[in-house]
Protein backbone atom coordinates (compact mmCIF):
# COMPACT_ATOMS: atom_id res chain seq x y z
CA MET A 1 0.00 0.00 0.00
CA ILE A 2 1.39 3.39 -1.02
CA PRO A 3 -0.96 6.26 -0.15
CA ASP A 4 -1.36 9.38 -2.29
CA MET A 5 0.98 11.33 -0.05
CA HIS A 6 0.35 14.79 -1.48
CA ARG A 7 -3.41 14.44 -1.08
CA LEU A 8 -2.97 12.92 2.34
CA LEU A 9 -0.76 15.79 3.48
CA LEU A 10 -3.41 18.34 2.56
CA ASP A 11 -6.18 16.32 4.20
CA VAL A 12 -4.25 15.68 7.41
CA THR A 13 -3.36 19.37 7.68
CA ALA A 14 -7.06 20.22 7.40
CA LEU A 15 -7.84 17.59 10.04
CA ALA A 16 -5.26 19.05 12.44
CA ARG A 17 -6.84 22.47 11.99
CA GLU A 18 -10.27 21.02 12.76
CA ALA A 19 -8.89 19.52 15.97
CA GLY A 20 -7.29 22.87 16.75
CA ARG A 21 -10.64 24.63 16.54
CA ALA A 22 -12.11 22.14 19.01
CA ILE A 23 -9.16 22.73 21.34
CA LEU A 24 -9.62 26.50 21.19
CA GLY A 25 -13.28 26.08 22.17
CA VAL A 26 -12.17 24.42 25.40
CA TYR A 27 -9.27 26.86 25.83
CA ALA A 28 -11.74 29.74 25.95
CA SER A 29 -13.81 28.06 28.68
CA SER A 30 -13.35 27.31 32.37
CA PHE A 31 -12.05 23.79 31.81
CA THR A 32 -11.27 21.10 34.37
CA VAL A 33 -7.85 19.47 34.65
CA THR A 34 -7.48 15.86 35.76
CA GLU A 35 -4.41 13.64 36.08
CA LYS A 36 -3.48 10.55 34.08
CA ASP A 37 -1.78 7.55 35.65
CA ASP A 38 1.64 9.14 35.04
CA ARG A 39 0.39 12.33 36.81
CA SER A 40 0.50 14.37 33.60
CA PRO A 41 -2.49 16.68 33.03
CA LEU A 42 -5.53 15.77 30.95
CA THR A 43 -8.34 18.06 29.79
CA GLU A 44 -11.49 17.82 27.73
CA ALA A 45 -9.51 19.44 24.90
CA ASP A 46 -7.22 16.38 24.71
CA LEU A 47 -10.22 14.06 24.49
CA GLN A 48 -12.24 16.12 22.00
CA ALA A 49 -9.23 16.53 19.72
CA GLU A 50 -8.45 12.83 19.80
CA ARG A 51 -12.02 11.85 18.93
CA LEU A 52 -11.97 14.19 15.93
CA ILE A 53 -8.58 13.01 14.73
CA LEU A 54 -9.30 9.30 15.09
CA ALA A 55 -12.58 9.66 13.21
CA GLY A 56 -10.89 11.71 10.51
CA LEU A 57 -8.03 9.26 10.02
CA ARG A 58 -10.51 6.39 9.75
CA ARG A 59 -12.20 8.29 6.91
CA LEU A 60 -8.95 9.13 5.15
CA ALA A 61 -7.12 5.82 5.49
CA PRO A 62 -9.16 3.17 7.30
CA GLU A 63 -6.53 0.50 6.64
CA ILE A 64 -3.79 2.31 8.62
CA PRO A 65 -3.78 1.71 12.41
CA VAL A 66 -3.25 4.49 14.94
CA LEU A 67 -0.95 4.86 17.93
CA SER A 68 -2.22 7.79 20.00
CA GLU A 69 -1.36 9.16 23.41
CA GLU A 70 -4.87 9.20 24.79
CA SER A 71 -6.28 6.00 23.30
CA ALA A 72 -5.69 2.43 24.39
CA LYS A 73 -2.31 1.32 23.11
CA ALA A 74 -2.05 -1.94 21.24
CA PRO A 75 0.58 -4.34 22.62
CA TYR A 76 3.74 -4.66 20.57
CA SER A 77 2.87 -8.25 19.75
CA LYS A 78 0.17 -6.68 17.55
CA ARG A 79 1.98 -3.47 16.55
CA ALA A 80 5.02 -5.40 15.30
CA ALA A 81 3.09 -6.23 12.13
CA TRP A 82 2.31 -2.56 11.41
CA ASP A 83 4.61 -1.31 8.64
CA TRP A 84 2.39 1.78 8.28
CA LEU A 85 0.84 3.56 11.26
CA TRP A 86 -0.36 6.95 12.38
CA VAL A 87 1.34 8.38 15.47
CA VAL A 88 -0.83 11.06 17.07
CA ASP A 89 -0.65 13.48 19.96
CA PRO A 90 -3.99 15.31 19.91
CA LEU A 91 -2.70 17.98 22.29
CA ASP A 92 1.07 18.19 22.69
CA GLY A 93 1.91 20.54 25.53
CA THR A 94 -1.06 20.11 27.85
CA LYS A 95 0.94 21.89 30.55
CA GLU A 96 1.26 24.88 28.22
CA PHE A 97 -2.47 24.63 27.50
CA VAL A 98 -3.27 24.69 31.22
CA GLN A 99 -0.91 27.63 31.74
CA ARG A 100 -2.56 29.39 28.77
CA ASN A 101 0.71 30.44 27.13
CA GLY A 102 -0.38 29.29 23.66
CA GLU A 103 2.61 26.99 23.06
CA PHE A 104 0.76 23.75 22.40
CA THR A 105 0.22 21.83 19.20
CA VAL A 106 -1.69 19.09 17.42
CA ASN A 107 0.73 16.44 16.13
CA ILE A 108 -0.15 13.90 13.44
CA ALA A 109 2.50 11.74 11.76
CA LEU A 110 2.48 8.85 9.32
CA VAL A 111 5.23 6.33 10.03
CA HIS A 112 6.45 3.76 7.52
CA ASP A 113 9.08 1.15 8.36
CA HIS A 114 9.88 2.94 11.64
CA ARG A 115 10.41 6.36 9.99
CA PRO A 116 8.08 9.39 9.97
CA VAL A 117 7.34 10.08 6.29
CA LEU A 118 4.52 12.62 6.73
CA GLY A 119 4.04 15.05 9.57
CA VAL A 120 1.72 17.89 10.53
CA VAL A 121 2.21 20.19 13.52
CA HIS A 122 -0.61 22.68 14.04
CA ALA A 123 -0.41 25.47 16.64
CA PRO A 124 -4.02 26.57 17.25
CA VAL A 125 -3.37 29.82 19.14
CA LEU A 126 -0.75 30.94 16.61
CA GLY A 127 -2.92 29.90 13.68
CA ARG A 128 0.18 28.24 12.26
CA ASP A 129 0.85 24.95 10.49
CA TYR A 130 4.11 23.15 9.87
CA TYR A 131 3.70 20.24 7.49
CA ALA A 132 6.02 17.98 5.56
CA CYS A 133 6.17 14.84 3.49
CA GLU A 134 9.02 12.75 2.19
CA GLY A 135 9.68 13.66 -1.44
CA ILE A 136 7.63 16.87 -1.21
CA GLY A 137 9.43 19.00 1.38
CA ALA A 138 8.58 21.02 4.49
CA PHE A 139 6.30 24.05 4.69
CA ARG A 140 4.86 26.64 7.04
CA SER A 141 1.52 28.39 6.67
CA ASP A 142 -0.14 31.02 8.84
CA ALA A 143 -3.67 32.29 9.21
CA THR A 144 -2.87 35.31 7.04
CA ALA A 145 -0.25 33.78 4.73
CA ALA A 146 -0.22 30.90 2.27
CA GLY A 147 2.13 27.98 2.69
CA ARG A 148 5.80 28.54 1.94
CA PRO A 149 8.77 26.16 1.92
CA ILE A 150 11.00 26.18 4.98
CA ARG A 151 14.64 25.15 5.31
CA VAL A 152 17.21 24.93 8.06
CA ALA A 153 19.76 27.73 8.28
CA ALA A 154 23.54 27.53 8.28
CA ARG A 155 25.08 28.34 11.64
CA GLY A 156 26.03 32.00 11.81
CA PRO A 157 29.02 33.67 13.48
CA GLY A 158 27.08 34.71 16.58
CA PRO A 159 25.98 32.74 19.65
CA VAL A 160 24.52 29.28 19.09
CA ARG A 161 20.73 29.46 19.06
CA VAL A 162 19.55 26.65 21.35
CA VAL A 163 15.90 25.81 21.83
CA GLY A 164 14.67 23.71 24.71
CA SER A 165 11.71 22.65 26.76
CA ARG A 166 9.77 25.12 28.86
CA SER A 167 8.47 22.36 31.15
CA HIS A 168 11.38 19.87 31.30
CA ARG A 169 14.84 21.24 32.01
CA GLY A 170 17.57 19.41 33.95
CA SER A 171 21.24 19.43 34.85
CA SER A 172 22.20 17.49 31.70
CA LEU A 173 21.00 20.37 29.53
CA ASP A 174 22.93 22.88 31.63
CA SER A 175 26.09 20.81 31.15
CA PHE A 176 25.53 20.75 27.38
CA LEU A 177 25.05 24.51 27.29
CA ALA A 178 28.28 25.02 29.22
CA ARG A 179 30.16 22.98 26.61
CA VAL A 180 28.50 24.80 23.71
CA GLY A 181 29.87 28.15 24.87
CA PRO A 182 28.23 31.45 23.93
CA HIS A 183 24.58 30.78 23.18
CA GLU A 184 21.06 32.11 23.21
CA PHE A 185 18.63 29.76 24.92
CA VAL A 186 14.94 29.97 24.06
CA GLU A 187 12.34 28.04 26.05
CA VAL A 188 9.43 26.83 23.93
CA GLY A 189 6.71 24.28 24.55
CA SER A 190 5.59 21.26 22.52
CA SER A 191 6.73 20.32 19.00
CA LEU A 192 7.38 23.96 18.19
CA LYS A 193 11.02 23.33 19.20
CA MET A 194 11.63 20.96 16.26
CA CYS A 195 9.84 23.39 13.97
CA LEU A 196 12.07 26.30 14.97
CA VAL A 197 15.08 24.26 13.89
CA ALA A 198 13.27 23.34 10.68
CA GLU A 199 12.58 26.93 9.67
CA GLY A 200 16.05 28.20 10.50
CA LEU A 201 15.21 30.07 13.70
CA ALA A 202 17.25 27.75 15.95
CA ASP A 203 20.50 25.86 15.46
CA VAL A 204 20.01 22.94 17.81
CA TYR A 205 17.44 21.27 20.05
CA PRO A 206 18.94 18.82 22.59
CA ARG A 207 16.34 16.66 24.31
CA LEU A 208 17.82 15.13 27.44
CA GLY A 209 14.58 14.30 29.15
CA PRO A 210 11.55 12.05 28.67
CA THR A 211 9.46 12.09 25.51
CA SER A 212 7.16 9.56 23.87
CA GLU A 213 6.84 8.64 20.21
CA TRP A 214 3.73 10.76 19.71
CA ASP A 215 5.58 13.82 21.06
CA THR A 216 8.21 13.74 18.33
CA ALA A 217 7.13 11.91 15.16
CA ALA A 218 5.38 14.81 13.40
CA GLY A 219 8.01 17.39 14.35
CA GLN A 220 10.82 15.05 13.34
CA CYS A 221 9.31 14.68 9.87
CA VAL A 222 9.07 18.46 9.49
CA ALA A 223 12.65 18.93 10.69
CA GLU A 224 14.14 16.18 8.52
CA GLN A 225 12.33 17.28 5.37
CA ALA A 226 13.65 20.80 6.01
CA GLY A 227 17.22 19.46 6.13
CA ALA A 228 17.79 18.80 9.84
CA GLN A 229 19.18 15.70 11.51
CA VAL A 230 17.27 14.11 14.40
CA LEU A 231 19.57 11.58 16.05
CA GLN A 232 19.74 9.46 19.15
CA LEU A 233 22.90 9.84 21.21
CA ASP A 234 24.34 6.75 19.49
CA GLY A 235 24.15 8.59 16.15
CA GLN A 236 21.20 6.61 14.79
CA PRO A 237 18.02 8.38 13.58
CA LEU A 238 15.19 8.52 16.07
CA SER A 239 12.80 5.73 15.04
CA TYR A 240 9.34 4.43 15.85
CA ASN A 241 7.28 1.35 16.70
CA LYS A 242 10.28 -0.79 17.50
CA GLY A 243 9.26 -2.37 20.78
CA ASP A 244 6.95 -2.46 23.78
CA ASP A 245 8.29 0.81 25.14
CA VAL A 246 6.98 3.94 23.42
CA LEU A 247 9.43 6.19 25.28
CA ASN A 248 12.12 7.77 23.14
CA PRO A 249 15.80 7.70 24.00
CA TYR A 250 17.47 11.06 24.45
CA PHE A 251 18.08 12.77 21.13
CA ILE A 252 19.26 15.93 19.42
CA ALA A 253 17.88 17.82 16.42
CA TYR A 254 20.26 20.13 14.62
CA ALA A 255 20.76 22.02 11.38
CA ASP A 256 24.52 22.37 10.91
CA PRO A 257 26.33 19.10 10.08
CA GLY A 258 29.67 20.87 10.45
CA THR A 259 29.41 20.87 14.26
CA ASP A 260 29.86 17.63 16.22
CA TRP A 261 26.83 18.13 18.41
CA LEU A 262 26.88 14.55 19.64
CA ALA A 263 30.39 15.03 21.03
CA LEU A 264 29.15 18.05 22.96
CA LEU A 265 26.41 15.90 24.46
CA ARG A 266 28.81 13.16 25.51
């Protein structure tokens, strides 16, 4: 099975926007926050967005299974046979949603043979989409501007532009920053970090804390199709649906291949 990727990219982008509108409806209300088993926050926005996305993906490609943060997760004994799958985070950055800082996204990725080959990251408050597909490229569109191609930027002569998590920062990141030397550090929530690397507004995104596959798949596709590398600390590309555990290893996304970023992490 080889989907019509161009058509699918347009349809999935529209679906992410639809989920974003549902999220904004909750965002504008006095919503309730509950806790999941891992003590991370959950809101009605997460659930509404997931219902919309799952229904939409069933319409678009009923033969492709879905791995989503909020839905029941199939055991790997079943997932091992999935060479194509959707990887979905209906609301990436629930902490940012609860704090009402606008830095949350809808993430939808299509994974084939463990690699994200199509990805959409929609930021509802910003009215912004990042979307990409293997063989087509990476793009950004805004509420008032049509889609345009995006590309990583060469590292300039000034301080290294480092982007990192607003909600998850630890001593390992501080050690990396000390080794990098002069830098500008920007805290951003959700998959927007990968997208800043993709559009040339950041040089590097080191992730030395916990993430799950649905947190990264869509953003990784956008970054890679814009020319970035997204590597585990062993130098291998970050990959998907490879075992029972859906937690990612630590990784780094970067634009400039002329810098040995992995050495700085070690």
